[in-house]
Amino acid sequence: MSKGYNRPRTPKGGGGMMAQIQQMQEQMAQAQEELAKETVTATVGGGVISVTMTGDQVCQSITIAPELLDDADPEMLQDLITSGVNAALDKSRELASDKMSPFTSMLGGLGLG
């Protein structure tokens, strides 16, 4: 007999956990695709700044009310935009956490989380 690689033998019924993990990976990938399509919007400054972001933290748009530009205080505008982006990021992370929480629970149940 030649010496070579011997594939490890899987006990009968031992492939069940691997099948569960593979199925969960597919479901996670689908959830991540859905997150990329979902959006959240945060407004600050009484609605003068609006930031829309996807569930995977990609900024889609920033809207600035024209009347805010009339008085154009650069520092105030910068602060409002920063606040709006941070608020949208928080909402986006919350959406991602809600969508992905079933998977983190499953991983914990499998001893992987």
C-alpha atoms as a PDB file:
ATOM      1  CA  MET A   1       0.000   0.000   0.000  1.00  0.00           C
ATOM      2  CA  SER A   2       1.158   3.492  -0.735  1.00  0.00           C
ATOM      3  CA  LYS A   3       1.444   6.046   1.979  1.00  0.00           C
ATOM      4  CA  GLY A   4      -0.535   9.198   1.479  1.00  0.00           C
ATOM      5  CA  TYR A   5      -3.235  11.404   2.780  1.00  0.00           C
ATOM      6  CA  ASN A   6      -6.029   9.618   4.562  1.00  0.00           C
ATOM      7  CA  ARG A   7      -9.183  11.664   4.727  1.00  0.00           C
ATOM      8  CA  PRO A   8     -10.556  11.843   8.267  1.00  0.00           C
ATOM      9  CA  ARG A   9     -13.630   9.727   8.652  1.00  0.00           C
ATOM     10  CA  THR A  10     -16.811  11.427   9.721  1.00  0.00           C
ATOM     11  CA  PRO A  11     -18.838   9.483  12.259  1.00  0.00           C
ATOM     12  CA  LYS A  12     -22.351   8.574  11.178  1.00  0.00           C
ATOM     13  CA  GLY A  13     -24.559  11.625  11.543  1.00  0.00           C
ATOM     14  CA  GLY A  14     -21.517  13.814  12.288  1.00  0.00           C
ATOM     15  CA  GLY A  15     -22.085  16.002   9.240  1.00  0.00           C
ATOM     16  CA  GLY A  16     -25.179  17.560  10.813  1.00  0.00           C
ATOM     17  CA  MET A  17     -23.353  20.341  12.593  1.00  0.00           C
ATOM     18  CA  MET A  18     -21.359  21.229   9.480  1.00  0.00           C
ATOM     19  CA  ALA A  19     -24.586  21.364   7.465  1.00  0.00           C
ATOM     20  CA  GLN A  20     -26.112  23.669  10.097  1.00  0.00           C
ATOM     21  CA  ILE A  21     -23.075  25.942  10.002  1.00  0.00           C
ATOM     22  CA  GLN A  22     -23.116  26.067   6.202  1.00  0.00           C
ATOM     23  CA  GLN A  23     -26.835  26.885   6.201  1.00  0.00           C
ATOM     24  CA  MET A  24     -26.269  29.601   8.788  1.00  0.00           C
ATOM     25  CA  GLN A  25     -23.434  31.083   6.676  1.00  0.00           C
ATOM     26  CA  GLU A  26     -25.776  31.263   3.692  1.00  0.00           C
ATOM     27  CA  GLN A  27     -28.467  32.938   5.794  1.00  0.00           C
ATOM     28  CA  MET A  28     -25.933  35.417   7.181  1.00  0.00           C
ATOM     29  CA  ALA A  29     -24.772  36.300   3.665  1.00  0.00           C
ATOM     30  CA  GLN A  30     -28.392  36.876   2.639  1.00  0.00           C
ATOM     31  CA  ALA A  31     -28.992  39.069   5.698  1.00  0.00           C
ATOM     32  CA  GLN A  32     -25.881  41.109   4.851  1.00  0.00           C
ATOM     33  CA  GLU A  33     -27.128  41.596   1.278  1.00  0.00           C
ATOM     34  CA  GLU A  34     -30.472  42.788   2.638  1.00  0.00           C
ATOM     35  CA  LEU A  35     -28.691  45.213   4.993  1.00  0.00           C
ATOM     36  CA  ALA A  36     -26.874  46.745   2.029  1.00  0.00           C
ATOM     37  CA  LYS A  37     -30.272  47.525   0.465  1.00  0.00           C
ATOM     38  CA  GLU A  38     -32.035  48.856   3.573  1.00  0.00           C
ATOM     39  CA  THR A  39     -31.641  52.490   4.568  1.00  0.00           C
ATOM     40  CA  VAL A  40     -32.042  54.583   7.683  1.00  0.00           C
ATOM     41  CA  THR A  41     -32.336  58.363   7.877  1.00  0.00           C
ATOM     42  CA  ALA A  42     -31.311  60.631  10.732  1.00  0.00           C
ATOM     43  CA  THR A  43     -32.170  64.304  10.980  1.00  0.00           C
ATOM     44  CA  VAL A  44     -30.552  66.910  13.215  1.00  0.00           C
ATOM     45  CA  GLY A  45     -30.899  70.616  13.860  1.00  0.00           C
ATOM     46  CA  GLY A  46     -34.674  70.478  13.769  1.00  0.00           C
ATOM     47  CA  GLY A  47     -34.609  68.775  10.380  1.00  0.00           C
ATOM     48  CA  VAL A  48     -32.191  71.111   8.579  1.00  0.00           C
ATOM     49  CA  ILE A  49     -29.685  68.272   8.035  1.00  0.00           C
ATOM     50  CA  SER A  50     -30.778  64.826   6.917  1.00  0.00           C
ATOM     51  CA  VAL A  51     -28.397  61.896   6.444  1.00  0.00           C
ATOM     52  CA  THR A  52     -29.409  58.628   4.766  1.00  0.00           C
ATOM     53  CA  MET A  53     -27.237  55.559   5.248  1.00  0.00           C
ATOM     54  CA  THR A  54     -27.509  51.887   4.321  1.00  0.00           C
ATOM     55  CA  GLY A  55     -27.591  49.080   6.851  1.00  0.00           C
ATOM     56  CA  ASP A  56     -23.982  48.298   6.008  1.00  0.00           C
ATOM     57  CA  GLN A  57     -22.870  51.838   6.907  1.00  0.00           C
ATOM     58  CA  VAL A  58     -22.565  53.396   3.454  1.00  0.00           C
ATOM     59  CA  CYS A  59     -23.658  57.034   3.319  1.00  0.00           C
ATOM     60  CA  GLN A  60     -26.218  57.456   0.536  1.00  0.00           C
ATOM     61  CA  SER A  61     -27.012  61.151   0.863  1.00  0.00           C
ATOM     62  CA  ILE A  62     -26.774  64.276   2.965  1.00  0.00           C
ATOM     63  CA  THR A  63     -29.500  66.882   2.549  1.00  0.00           C
ATOM     64  CA  ILE A  64     -29.059  70.438   3.803  1.00  0.00           C
ATOM     65  CA  ALA A  65     -32.055  72.766   4.018  1.00  0.00           C
ATOM     66  CA  PRO A  66     -31.409  75.822   1.797  1.00  0.00           C
ATOM     67  CA  GLU A  67     -32.349  78.252   4.573  1.00  0.00           C
ATOM     68  CA  LEU A  68     -29.440  76.949   6.649  1.00  0.00           C
ATOM     69  CA  LEU A  69     -27.045  78.147   3.966  1.00  0.00           C
ATOM     70  CA  ASP A  70     -28.419  81.691   4.075  1.00  0.00           C
ATOM     71  CA  ASP A  71     -26.716  82.338   7.407  1.00  0.00           C
ATOM     72  CA  ALA A  72     -23.746  80.068   6.503  1.00  0.00           C
ATOM     73  CA  ASP A  73     -21.834  79.648   9.755  1.00  0.00           C
ATOM     74  CA  PRO A  74     -19.200  77.106   8.676  1.00  0.00           C
ATOM     75  CA  GLU A  75     -18.555  75.752  12.183  1.00  0.00           C
ATOM     76  CA  MET A  76     -22.243  75.247  12.896  1.00  0.00           C
ATOM     77  CA  LEU A  77     -22.723  73.549   9.523  1.00  0.00           C
ATOM     78  CA  GLN A  78     -19.764  71.249  10.152  1.00  0.00           C
ATOM     79  CA  ASP A  79     -21.067  70.347  13.607  1.00  0.00           C
ATOM     80  CA  LEU A  80     -24.543  69.616  12.259  1.00  0.00           C
ATOM     81  CA  ILE A  81     -23.204  67.412   9.460  1.00  0.00           C
ATOM     82  CA  THR A  82     -20.967  65.538  11.892  1.00  0.00           C
ATOM     83  CA  SER A  83     -23.896  65.032  14.272  1.00  0.00           C
ATOM     84  CA  GLY A  84     -26.117  63.862  11.432  1.00  0.00           C
ATOM     85  CA  VAL A  85     -23.574  61.345  10.140  1.00  0.00           C
ATOM     86  CA  ASN A  86     -22.980  59.991  13.637  1.00  0.00           C
ATOM     87  CA  ALA A  87     -26.722  59.682  14.297  1.00  0.00           C
ATOM     88  CA  ALA A  88     -27.208  57.864  10.979  1.00  0.00           C
ATOM     89  CA  LEU A  89     -24.301  55.535  11.788  1.00  0.00           C
ATOM     90  CA  ASP A  90     -25.897  54.731  15.157  1.00  0.00           C
ATOM     91  CA  LYS A  91     -29.217  53.911  13.456  1.00  0.00           C
ATOM     92  CA  SER A  92     -27.441  51.835  10.825  1.00  0.00           C
ATOM     93  CA  ARG A  93     -25.525  49.864  13.451  1.00  0.00           C
ATOM     94  CA  GLU A  94     -28.735  49.268  15.381  1.00  0.00           C
ATOM     95  CA  LEU A  95     -30.422  47.967  12.230  1.00  0.00           C
ATOM     96  CA  ALA A  96     -27.443  45.677  11.542  1.00  0.00           C
ATOM     97  CA  SER A  97     -27.442  44.435  15.125  1.00  0.00           C
ATOM     98  CA  ASP A  98     -31.170  43.664  14.990  1.00  0.00           C
ATOM     99  CA  LYS A  99     -30.821  41.812  11.693  1.00  0.00           C
ATOM    100  CA  MET A 100     -27.731  39.846  12.718  1.00  0.00           C
ATOM    101  CA  SER A 101     -28.712  39.035  16.330  1.00  0.00           C
ATOM    102  CA  PRO A 102     -30.325  35.676  15.463  1.00  0.00           C
ATOM    103  CA  PHE A 103     -26.995  34.528  14.050  1.00  0.00           C
ATOM    104  CA  THR A 104     -24.958  35.621  17.034  1.00  0.00           C
ATOM    105  CA  SER A 105     -27.450  33.791  19.259  1.00  0.00           C
ATOM    106  CA  MET A 106     -27.087  30.646  17.135  1.00  0.00           C
ATOM    107  CA  LEU A 107     -23.292  30.860  17.234  1.00  0.00           C
ATOM    108  CA  GLY A 108     -23.415  31.143  21.000  1.00  0.00           C
ATOM    109  CA  GLY A 109     -25.659  28.078  21.144  1.00  0.00           C
ATOM    110  CA  LEU A 110     -23.149  26.129  19.075  1.00  0.00           C
ATOM    111  CA  GLY A 111     -20.356  27.181  21.413  1.00  0.00           C
ATOM    112  CA  LEU A 112     -18.830  29.461  18.771  1.00  0.00           C
ATOM    113  CA  GLY A 113     -19.926  32.875  20.001  1.00  0.00           C
END
